[in-house]
Amino acid sequence: MNSVAKKRIERGMTQKELADKIGADVRWVQKIEHGDISLENVTFLRGIKLLLALEGDDPDEAIQDCCGCVKTTYIMLREYTSDAVHCNNKEE
């Protein structure tokens, strides 16, 4: 059992309840829990929603409350990864 499944069970949630909280299909949650989808391949927003839901927060409400913070972090990450790609593609 992976950490997502353990945390979900600790919180007393079904896979369907978790999926509904984060706006995902129950099959997506099953794939995450079984390792068919790596957490490294989850979109930024869906990853945040998953973490918030597993911590017992309402993801949509928490994101709304912290929208500026999330958007700023997302923009910073995009800029960083964009710069990293440009640096790696430079010819010397």
PDB file of N, CA and C in Angstrom:
ATOM      1  N   MET A   1       0.847  -1.172   0.000  1.00  0.00           N
ATOM      2  CA  MET A   1       0.000   0.000   0.000  1.00  0.00           C
ATOM      3  C   MET A   1       0.902   1.247   0.000  1.00  0.00           C
ATOM      4  N   ASN A   2       0.635   2.182  -0.916  1.00  0.00           N
ATOM      5  CA  ASN A   2       1.485   3.384  -0.977  1.00  0.00           C
ATOM      6  C   ASN A   2       1.011   4.456   0.002  1.00  0.00           C
ATOM      7  N   SER A   3       1.781   5.541   0.083  1.00  0.00           N
ATOM      8  CA  SER A   3       1.503   6.589   1.065  1.00  0.00           C
ATOM      9  C   SER A   3       0.172   7.293   0.826  1.00  0.00           C
ATOM     10  N   VAL A   4      -0.231   7.418  -0.429  1.00  0.00           N
ATOM     11  CA  VAL A   4      -1.522   8.066  -0.727  1.00  0.00           C
ATOM     12  C   VAL A   4      -2.656   7.217  -0.168  1.00  0.00           C
ATOM     13  N   ALA A   5      -2.605   5.929  -0.424  1.00  0.00           N
ATOM     14  CA  ALA A   5      -3.649   5.024   0.080  1.00  0.00           C
ATOM     15  C   ALA A   5      -3.656   5.008   1.610  1.00  0.00           C
ATOM     16  N   LYS A   6      -2.477   4.957   2.222  1.00  0.00           N
ATOM     17  CA  LYS A   6      -2.399   4.951   3.688  1.00  0.00           C
ATOM     18  C   LYS A   6      -3.020   6.212   4.283  1.00  0.00           C
ATOM     19  N   LYS A   7      -2.662   7.351   3.721  1.00  0.00           N
ATOM     20  CA  LYS A   7      -3.169   8.627   4.226  1.00  0.00           C
ATOM     21  C   LYS A   7      -4.682   8.724   4.020  1.00  0.00           C
ATOM     22  N   ARG A   8      -5.149   8.265   2.877  1.00  0.00           N
ATOM     23  CA  ARG A   8      -6.586   8.301   2.586  1.00  0.00           C
ATOM     24  C   ARG A   8      -7.347   7.457   3.598  1.00  0.00           C
ATOM     25  N   ILE A   9      -6.829   6.274   3.873  1.00  0.00           N
ATOM     26  CA  ILE A   9      -7.479   5.372   4.820  1.00  0.00           C
ATOM     27  C   ILE A   9      -7.427   5.955   6.238  1.00  0.00           C
ATOM     28  N   GLU A  10      -6.291   6.559   6.608  1.00  0.00           N
ATOM     29  CA  GLU A  10      -6.176   7.219   7.916  1.00  0.00           C
ATOM     30  C   GLU A  10      -7.243   8.299   8.072  1.00  0.00           C
ATOM     31  N   ARG A  11      -7.543   8.992   6.977  1.00  0.00           N
ATOM     32  CA  ARG A  11      -8.541  10.063   6.996  1.00  0.00           C
ATOM     33  C   ARG A  11      -9.969   9.529   6.913  1.00  0.00           C
ATOM     34  N   GLY A  12     -10.106   8.204   6.735  1.00  0.00           N
ATOM     35  CA  GLY A  12     -11.432   7.598   6.674  1.00  0.00           C
ATOM     36  C   GLY A  12     -12.173   7.884   5.384  1.00  0.00           C
ATOM     37  N   MET A  13     -11.412   8.137   4.306  1.00  0.00           N
ATOM     38  CA  MET A  13     -12.029   8.439   3.012  1.00  0.00           C
ATOM     39  C   MET A  13     -12.004   7.229   2.089  1.00  0.00           C
ATOM     40  N   THR A  14     -13.030   7.120   1.276  1.00  0.00           N
ATOM     41  CA  THR A  14     -13.010   6.136   0.203  1.00  0.00           C
ATOM     42  C   THR A  14     -12.271   6.748  -0.988  1.00  0.00           C
ATOM     43  N   GLN A  15     -11.935   5.907  -1.950  1.00  0.00           N
ATOM     44  CA  GLN A  15     -11.303   6.424  -3.166  1.00  0.00           C
ATOM     45  C   GLN A  15     -12.235   7.400  -3.871  1.00  0.00           C
ATOM     46  N   LYS A  16     -13.505   7.112  -3.864  1.00  0.00           N
ATOM     47  CA  LYS A  16     -14.500   7.985  -4.504  1.00  0.00           C
ATOM     48  C   LYS A  16     -14.570   9.338  -3.805  1.00  0.00           C
ATOM     49  N   GLU A  17     -14.553   9.333  -2.482  1.00  0.00           N
ATOM     50  CA  GLU A  17     -14.602  10.594  -1.734  1.00  0.00           C
ATOM     51  C   GLU A  17     -13.367  11.450  -2.025  1.00  0.00           C
ATOM     52  N   LEU A  18     -12.196  10.812  -2.069  1.00  0.00           N
ATOM     53  CA  LEU A  18     -10.972  11.547  -2.393  1.00  0.00           C
ATOM     54  C   LEU A  18     -11.047  12.110  -3.804  1.00  0.00           C
ATOM     55  N   ALA A  19     -11.487  11.286  -4.738  1.00  0.00           N
ATOM     56  CA  ALA A  19     -11.611  11.729  -6.133  1.00  0.00           C
ATOM     57  C   ALA A  19     -12.554  12.926  -6.232  1.00  0.00           C
ATOM     58  N   ASP A  20     -13.682  12.853  -5.555  1.00  0.00           N
ATOM     59  CA  ASP A  20     -14.646  13.956  -5.582  1.00  0.00           C
ATOM     60  C   ASP A  20     -14.055  15.232  -4.983  1.00  0.00           C
ATOM     61  N   LYS A  21     -13.283  15.090  -3.905  1.00  0.00           N
ATOM     62  CA  LYS A  21     -12.681  16.256  -3.254  1.00  0.00           C
ATOM     63  C   LYS A  21     -11.706  16.987  -4.160  1.00  0.00           C
ATOM     64  N   ILE A  22     -11.003  16.243  -5.001  1.00  0.00           N
ATOM     65  CA  ILE A  22      -9.979  16.879  -5.831  1.00  0.00           C
ATOM     66  C   ILE A  22     -10.426  17.071  -7.279  1.00  0.00           C
ATOM     67  N   GLY A  23     -11.659  16.687  -7.568  1.00  0.00           N
ATOM     68  CA  GLY A  23     -12.180  16.879  -8.921  1.00  0.00           C
ATOM     69  C   GLY A  23     -11.581  15.910  -9.923  1.00  0.00           C
ATOM     70  N   ALA A  24     -11.325  14.696  -9.466  1.00  0.00           N
ATOM     71  CA  ALA A  24     -10.729  13.678 -10.342  1.00  0.00           C
ATOM     72  C   ALA A  24     -11.675  12.491 -10.451  1.00  0.00           C
ATOM     73  N   ASP A  25     -11.382  11.641 -11.395  1.00  0.00           N
ATOM     74  CA  ASP A  25     -12.116  10.399 -11.563  1.00  0.00           C
ATOM     75  C   ASP A  25     -11.583   9.378 -10.556  1.00  0.00           C
ATOM     76  N   VAL A  26     -12.453   8.542 -10.043  1.00  0.00           N
ATOM     77  CA  VAL A  26     -12.026   7.527  -9.077  1.00  0.00           C
ATOM     78  C   VAL A  26     -10.943   6.623  -9.662  1.00  0.00           C
ATOM     79  N   ARG A  27     -11.005   6.384 -10.953  1.00  0.00           N
ATOM     80  CA  ARG A  27      -9.994   5.543 -11.611  1.00  0.00           C
ATOM     81  C   ARG A  27      -8.608   6.189 -11.503  1.00  0.00           C
ATOM     82  N   TRP A  28      -8.536   7.517 -11.551  1.00  0.00           N
ATOM     83  CA  TRP A  28      -7.259   8.222 -11.421  1.00  0.00           C
ATOM     84  C   TRP A  28      -6.668   7.961 -10.039  1.00  0.00           C
ATOM     85  N   VAL A  29      -7.516   8.048  -8.993  1.00  0.00           N
ATOM     86  CA  VAL A  29      -7.056   7.782  -7.628  1.00  0.00           C
ATOM     87  C   VAL A  29      -6.555   6.342  -7.527  1.00  0.00           C
ATOM     88  N   GLN A  30      -7.278   5.415  -8.120  1.00  0.00           N
ATOM     89  CA  GLN A  30      -6.847   4.012  -8.097  1.00  0.00           C
ATOM     90  C   GLN A  30      -5.485   3.846  -8.763  1.00  0.00           C
ATOM     91  N   LYS A  31      -5.295   4.518  -9.874  1.00  0.00           N
ATOM     92  CA  LYS A  31      -4.011   4.425 -10.579  1.00  0.00           C
ATOM     93  C   LYS A  31      -2.874   5.015  -9.749  1.00  0.00           C
ATOM     94  N   ILE A  32      -3.132   6.117  -9.066  1.00  0.00           N
ATOM     95  CA  ILE A  32      -2.118   6.713  -8.184  1.00  0.00           C
ATOM     96  C   ILE A  32      -1.765   5.728  -7.072  1.00  0.00           C
ATOM     97  N   GLU A  33      -2.786   5.167  -6.451  1.00  0.00           N
ATOM     98  CA  GLU A  33      -2.558   4.259  -5.324  1.00  0.00           C
ATOM     99  C   GLU A  33      -1.866   2.965  -5.737  1.00  0.00           C
ATOM    100  N   HIS A  34      -2.097   2.510  -6.926  1.00  0.00           N
ATOM    101  CA  HIS A  34      -1.471   1.267  -7.393  1.00  0.00           C
ATOM    102  C   HIS A  34      -0.131   1.500  -8.080  1.00  0.00           C
ATOM    103  N   GLY A  35       0.243   2.762  -8.224  1.00  0.00           N
ATOM    104  CA  GLY A  35       1.535   3.068  -8.830  1.00  0.00           C
ATOM    105  C   GLY A  35       1.523   3.108 -10.348  1.00  0.00           C
ATOM    106  N   ASP A  36       0.340   3.045 -10.944  1.00  0.00           N
ATOM    107  CA  ASP A  36       0.246   3.130 -12.409  1.00  0.00           C
ATOM    108  C   ASP A  36       0.539   4.552 -12.889  1.00  0.00           C
ATOM    109  N   ILE A  37       0.288   5.531 -12.034  1.00  0.00           N
ATOM    110  CA  ILE A  37       0.630   6.926 -12.310  1.00  0.00           C
ATOM    111  C   ILE A  37       1.591   7.366 -11.210  1.00  0.00           C
ATOM    112  N   SER A  38       2.726   7.881 -11.607  1.00  0.00           N
ATOM    113  CA  SER A  38       3.709   8.373 -10.645  1.00  0.00           C
ATOM    114  C   SER A  38       3.316   9.770 -10.179  1.00  0.00           C
ATOM    115  N   LEU A  39       3.494  10.034  -8.900  1.00  0.00           N
ATOM    116  CA  LEU A  39       3.201  11.373  -8.385  1.00  0.00           C
ATOM    117  C   LEU A  39       4.070  12.422  -9.061  1.00  0.00           C
ATOM    118  N   GLU A  40       5.206  12.021  -9.590  1.00  0.00           N
ATOM    119  CA  GLU A  40       6.077  12.949 -10.300  1.00  0.00           C
ATOM    120  C   GLU A  40       5.463  13.411 -11.616  1.00  0.00           C
ATOM    121  N   ASN A  41       4.477  12.675 -12.106  1.00  0.00           N
ATOM    122  CA  ASN A  41       3.839  13.016 -13.377  1.00  0.00           C
ATOM    123  C   ASN A  41       2.471  13.677 -13.201  1.00  0.00           C
ATOM    124  N   VAL A  42       2.140  14.041 -11.972  1.00  0.00           N
ATOM    125  CA  VAL A  42       0.863  14.682 -11.682  1.00  0.00           C
ATOM    126  C   VAL A  42       1.008  16.182 -11.893  1.00  0.00           C
ATOM    127  N   THR A  43      -0.010  16.810 -12.464  1.00  0.00           N
ATOM    128  CA  THR A  43       0.063  18.261 -12.672  1.00  0.00           C
ATOM    129  C   THR A  43       0.173  18.982 -11.342  1.00  0.00           C
ATOM    130  N   PHE A  44       0.734  20.156 -11.390  1.00  0.00           N
ATOM    131  CA  PHE A  44       0.962  20.963 -10.197  1.00  0.00           C
ATOM    132  C   PHE A  44      -0.327  21.161  -9.404  1.00  0.00           C
ATOM    133  N   LEU A  45      -1.370  21.613 -10.058  1.00  0.00           N
ATOM    134  CA  LEU A  45      -2.624  21.911  -9.377  1.00  0.00           C
ATOM    135  C   LEU A  45      -3.258  20.645  -8.800  1.00  0.00           C
ATOM    136  N   ARG A  46      -3.262  19.580  -9.565  1.00  0.00           N
ATOM    137  CA  ARG A  46      -3.860  18.335  -9.062  1.00  0.00           C
ATOM    138  C   ARG A  46      -3.044  17.797  -7.892  1.00  0.00           C
ATOM    139  N   GLY A  47      -1.726  17.961  -7.946  1.00  0.00           N
ATOM    140  CA  GLY A  47      -0.878  17.532  -6.839  1.00  0.00           C
ATOM    141  C   GLY A  47      -1.177  18.305  -5.568  1.00  0.00           C
ATOM    142  N   ILE A  48      -1.363  19.617  -5.702  1.00  0.00           N
ATOM    143  CA  ILE A  48      -1.706  20.444  -4.546  1.00  0.00           C
ATOM    144  C   ILE A  48      -3.061  20.020  -3.983  1.00  0.00           C
ATOM    145  N   LYS A  49      -4.032  19.813  -4.863  1.00  0.00           N
ATOM    146  CA  LYS A  49      -5.354  19.396  -4.403  1.00  0.00           C
ATOM    147  C   LYS A  49      -5.283  18.056  -3.673  1.00  0.00           C
ATOM    148  N   LEU A  50      -4.489  17.137  -4.202  1.00  0.00           N
ATOM    149  CA  LEU A  50      -4.336  15.823  -3.581  1.00  0.00           C
ATOM    150  C   LEU A  50      -3.737  15.964  -2.178  1.00  0.00           C
ATOM    151  N   LEU A  51      -2.672  16.742  -2.067  1.00  0.00           N
ATOM    152  CA  LEU A  51      -2.032  16.942  -0.761  1.00  0.00           C
ATOM    153  C   LEU A  51      -2.979  17.597   0.238  1.00  0.00           C
ATOM    154  N   LEU A  52      -3.704  18.615  -0.205  1.00  0.00           N
ATOM    155  CA  LEU A  52      -4.641  19.295   0.690  1.00  0.00           C
ATOM    156  C   LEU A  52      -5.740  18.352   1.158  1.00  0.00           C
ATOM    157  N   ALA A  53      -6.289  17.568   0.240  1.00  0.00           N
ATOM    158  CA  ALA A  53      -7.358  16.629   0.595  1.00  0.00           C
ATOM    159  C   ALA A  53      -6.851  15.580   1.580  1.00  0.00           C
ATOM    160  N   LEU A  54      -5.630  15.093   1.366  1.00  0.00           N
ATOM    161  CA  LEU A  54      -5.076  14.081   2.261  1.00  0.00           C
ATOM    162  C   LEU A  54      -4.765  14.645   3.640  1.00  0.00           C
ATOM    163  N   GLU A  55      -4.599  15.961   3.721  1.00  0.00           N
ATOM    164  CA  GLU A  55      -4.370  16.608   5.019  1.00  0.00           C
ATOM    165  C   GLU A  55      -5.680  17.011   5.700  1.00  0.00           C
ATOM    166  N   GLY A  56      -6.794  16.720   5.039  1.00  0.00           N
ATOM    167  CA  GLY A  56      -8.100  16.996   5.643  1.00  0.00           C
ATOM    168  C   GLY A  56      -8.684  18.348   5.299  1.00  0.00           C
ATOM    169  N   ASP A  57      -8.044  19.068   4.397  1.00  0.00           N
ATOM    170  CA  ASP A  57      -8.547  20.379   3.995  1.00  0.00           C
ATOM    171  C   ASP A  57      -9.467  20.256   2.785  1.00  0.00           C
ATOM    172  N   ASP A  58     -10.314  21.254   2.595  1.00  0.00           N
ATOM    173  CA  ASP A  58     -11.119  21.345   1.378  1.00  0.00           C
ATOM    174  C   ASP A  58     -10.221  21.976   0.324  1.00  0.00           C
ATOM    175  N   PRO A  59      -9.803  21.213  -0.702  1.00  0.00           N
ATOM    176  CA  PRO A  59      -8.842  21.731  -1.676  1.00  0.00           C
ATOM    177  C   PRO A  59      -9.279  23.014  -2.365  1.00  0.00           C
ATOM    178  N   ASP A  60     -10.524  23.076  -2.808  1.00  0.00           N
ATOM    179  CA  ASP A  60     -10.975  24.262  -3.534  1.00  0.00           C
ATOM    180  C   ASP A  60     -10.993  25.488  -2.632  1.00  0.00           C
ATOM    181  N   GLU A  61     -11.429  25.308  -1.399  1.00  0.00           N
ATOM    182  CA  GLU A  61     -11.462  26.427  -0.452  1.00  0.00           C
ATOM    183  C   GLU A  61     -10.044  26.877  -0.100  1.00  0.00           C
ATOM    184  N   ALA A  62      -9.169  25.926   0.155  1.00  0.00           N
ATOM    185  CA  ALA A  62      -7.787  26.268   0.523  1.00  0.00           C
ATOM    186  C   ALA A  62      -7.068  26.964  -0.628  1.00  0.00           C
ATOM    187  N   ILE A  63      -7.305  26.499  -1.840  1.00  0.00           N
ATOM    188  CA  ILE A  63      -6.667  27.123  -3.003  1.00  0.00           C
ATOM    189  C   ILE A  63      -7.216  28.534  -3.204  1.00  0.00           C
ATOM    190  N   GLN A  64      -8.502  28.700  -2.998  1.00  0.00           N
ATOM    191  CA  GLN A  64      -9.113  30.030  -3.116  1.00  0.00           C
ATOM    192  C   GLN A  64      -8.508  30.976  -2.083  1.00  0.00           C
ATOM    193  N   ASP A  65      -8.340  30.483  -0.847  1.00  0.00           N
ATOM    194  CA  ASP A  65      -7.759  31.298   0.222  1.00  0.00           C
ATOM    195  C   ASP A  65      -6.310  31.659  -0.067  1.00  0.00           C
ATOM    196  N   CYS A  66      -5.618  30.765  -0.751  1.00  0.00           N
ATOM    197  CA  CYS A  66      -4.183  30.943  -0.986  1.00  0.00           C
ATOM    198  C   CYS A  66      -3.885  31.090  -2.473  1.00  0.00           C
ATOM    199  N   CYS A  67      -4.858  31.545  -3.222  1.00  0.00           N
ATOM    200  CA  CYS A  67      -4.737  31.588  -4.677  1.00  0.00           C
ATOM    201  C   CYS A  67      -3.504  32.352  -5.144  1.00  0.00           C
ATOM    202  N   GLY A  68      -3.259  33.495  -4.575  1.00  0.00           N
ATOM    203  CA  GLY A  68      -2.097  34.286  -4.977  1.00  0.00           C
ATOM    204  C   GLY A  68      -0.805  33.544  -4.725  1.00  0.00           C
ATOM    205  N   CYS A  69      -0.731  32.877  -3.598  1.00  0.00           N
ATOM    206  CA  CYS A  69       0.466  32.113  -3.225  1.00  0.00           C
ATOM    207  C   CYS A  69       0.693  30.959  -4.202  1.00  0.00           C
ATOM    208  N   VAL A  70      -0.361  30.235  -4.520  1.00  0.00           N
ATOM    209  CA  VAL A  70      -0.257  29.101  -5.445  1.00  0.00           C
ATOM    210  C   VAL A  70       0.130  29.587  -6.835  1.00  0.00           C
ATOM    211  N   LYS A  71      -0.519  30.647  -7.296  1.00  0.00           N
ATOM    212  CA  LYS A  71      -0.208  31.174  -8.624  1.00  0.00           C
ATOM    213  C   LYS A  71       1.236  31.655  -8.702  1.00  0.00           C
ATOM    214  N   THR A  72       1.688  32.343  -7.661  1.00  0.00           N
ATOM    215  CA  THR A  72       3.076  32.821  -7.641  1.00  0.00           C
ATOM    216  C   THR A  72       4.053  31.660  -7.687  1.00  0.00           C
ATOM    217  N   THR A  73       3.785  30.631  -6.900  1.00  0.00           N
ATOM    218  CA  THR A  73       4.656  29.447  -6.894  1.00  0.00           C
ATOM    219  C   THR A  73       4.668  28.791  -8.263  1.00  0.00           C
ATOM    220  N   TYR A  74       3.498  28.663  -8.865  1.00  0.00           N
ATOM    221  CA  TYR A  74       3.395  28.047 -10.190  1.00  0.00           C
ATOM    222  C   TYR A  74       4.195  28.845 -11.223  1.00  0.00           C
ATOM    223  N   ILE A  75       4.048  30.158 -11.199  1.00  0.00           N
ATOM    224  CA  ILE A  75       4.772  31.019 -12.147  1.00  0.00           C
ATOM    225  C   ILE A  75       6.269  30.894 -11.933  1.00  0.00           C
ATOM    226  N   MET A  76       6.697  30.883 -10.671  1.00  0.00           N
ATOM    227  CA  MET A  76       8.124  30.742 -10.375  1.00  0.00           C
ATOM    228  C   MET A  76       8.661  29.403 -10.883  1.00  0.00           C
ATOM    229  N   LEU A  77       7.904  28.343 -10.664  1.00  0.00           N
ATOM    230  CA  LEU A  77       8.345  27.026 -11.140  1.00  0.00           C
ATOM    231  C   LEU A  77       8.425  26.980 -12.664  1.00  0.00           C
ATOM    232  N   ARG A  78       7.444  27.576 -13.325  1.00  0.00           N
ATOM    233  CA  ARG A  78       7.467  27.611 -14.795  1.00  0.00           C
ATOM    234  C   ARG A  78       8.673  28.379 -15.299  1.00  0.00           C
ATOM    235  N   GLU A  79       8.942  29.525 -14.676  1.00  0.00           N
ATOM    236  CA  GLU A  79      10.093  30.325 -15.089  1.00  0.00           C
ATOM    237  C   GLU A  79      11.391  29.578 -14.836  1.00  0.00           C
ATOM    238  N   TYR A  80      11.481  28.919 -13.703  1.00  0.00           N
ATOM    239  CA  TYR A  80      12.693  28.177 -13.368  1.00  0.00           C
ATOM    240  C   TYR A  80      12.923  27.041 -14.355  1.00  0.00           C
ATOM    241  N   THR A  81      11.868  26.263 -14.614  1.00  0.00           N
ATOM    242  CA  THR A  81      12.039  25.131 -15.526  1.00  0.00           C
ATOM    243  C   THR A  81      12.292  25.619 -16.941  1.00  0.00           C
ATOM    244  N   SER A  82      11.688  26.747 -17.316  1.00  0.00           N
ATOM    245  CA  SER A  82      11.926  27.314 -18.638  1.00  0.00           C
ATOM    246  C   SER A  82      13.378  27.762 -18.769  1.00  0.00           C
ATOM    247  N   ASP A  83      13.899  28.436 -17.729  1.00  0.00           N
ATOM    248  CA  ASP A  83      15.298  28.862 -17.739  1.00  0.00           C
ATOM    249  C   ASP A  83      16.226  27.661 -17.787  1.00  0.00           C
ATOM    250  N   ALA A  84      15.884  26.610 -17.044  1.00  0.00           N
ATOM    251  CA  ALA A  84      16.730  25.421 -17.012  1.00  0.00           C
ATOM    252  C   ALA A  84      16.779  24.763 -18.391  1.00  0.00           C
ATOM    253  N   VAL A  85      15.651  24.747 -19.073  1.00  0.00           N
ATOM    254  CA  VAL A  85      15.612  24.169 -20.415  1.00  0.00           C
ATOM    255  C   VAL A  85      16.468  24.993 -21.368  1.00  0.00           C
ATOM    256  N   HIS A  86      16.345  26.332 -21.276  1.00  0.00           N
ATOM    257  CA  HIS A  86      17.142  27.200 -22.147  1.00  0.00           C
ATOM    258  C   HIS A  86      18.628  27.043 -21.870  1.00  0.00           C
ATOM    259  N   CYS A  87      19.004  26.927 -20.583  1.00  0.00           N
ATOM    260  CA  CYS A  87      20.415  26.767 -20.231  1.00  0.00           C
ATOM    261  C   CYS A  87      20.967  25.441 -20.764  1.00  0.00           C
ATOM    262  N   ASN A  88      20.168  24.409 -20.706  1.00  0.00           N
ATOM    263  CA  ASN A  88      20.620  23.101 -21.166  1.00  0.00           C
ATOM    264  C   ASN A  88      20.725  23.024 -22.691  1.00  0.00           C
ATOM    265  N   ASN A  89      20.011  23.909 -23.377  1.00  0.00           N
ATOM    266  CA  ASN A  89      20.009  23.866 -24.836  1.00  0.00           C
ATOM    267  C   ASN A  89      21.021  24.841 -25.457  1.00  0.00           C
ATOM    268  N   LYS A  90      21.749  25.600 -24.631  1.00  0.00           N
ATOM    269  CA  LYS A  90      22.731  26.543 -25.152  1.00  0.00           C
ATOM    270  C   LYS A  90      23.903  25.797 -25.771  1.00  0.00           C
ATOM    271  N   GLU A  91      24.346  26.310 -26.892  1.00  0.00           N
ATOM    272  CA  GLU A  91      25.556  25.741 -27.516  1.00  0.00           C
ATOM    273  C   GLU A  91      26.741  26.535 -27.053  1.00  0.00           C
ATOM    274  N   GLU A  92      27.772  25.849 -26.629  1.00  0.00           N
ATOM    275  CA  GLU A  92      28.970  26.545 -26.135  1.00  0.00           C
ATOM    276  C   GLU A  92      30.108  26.334 -27.083  1.00  0.00           C
TER     277      GLU A  92
END
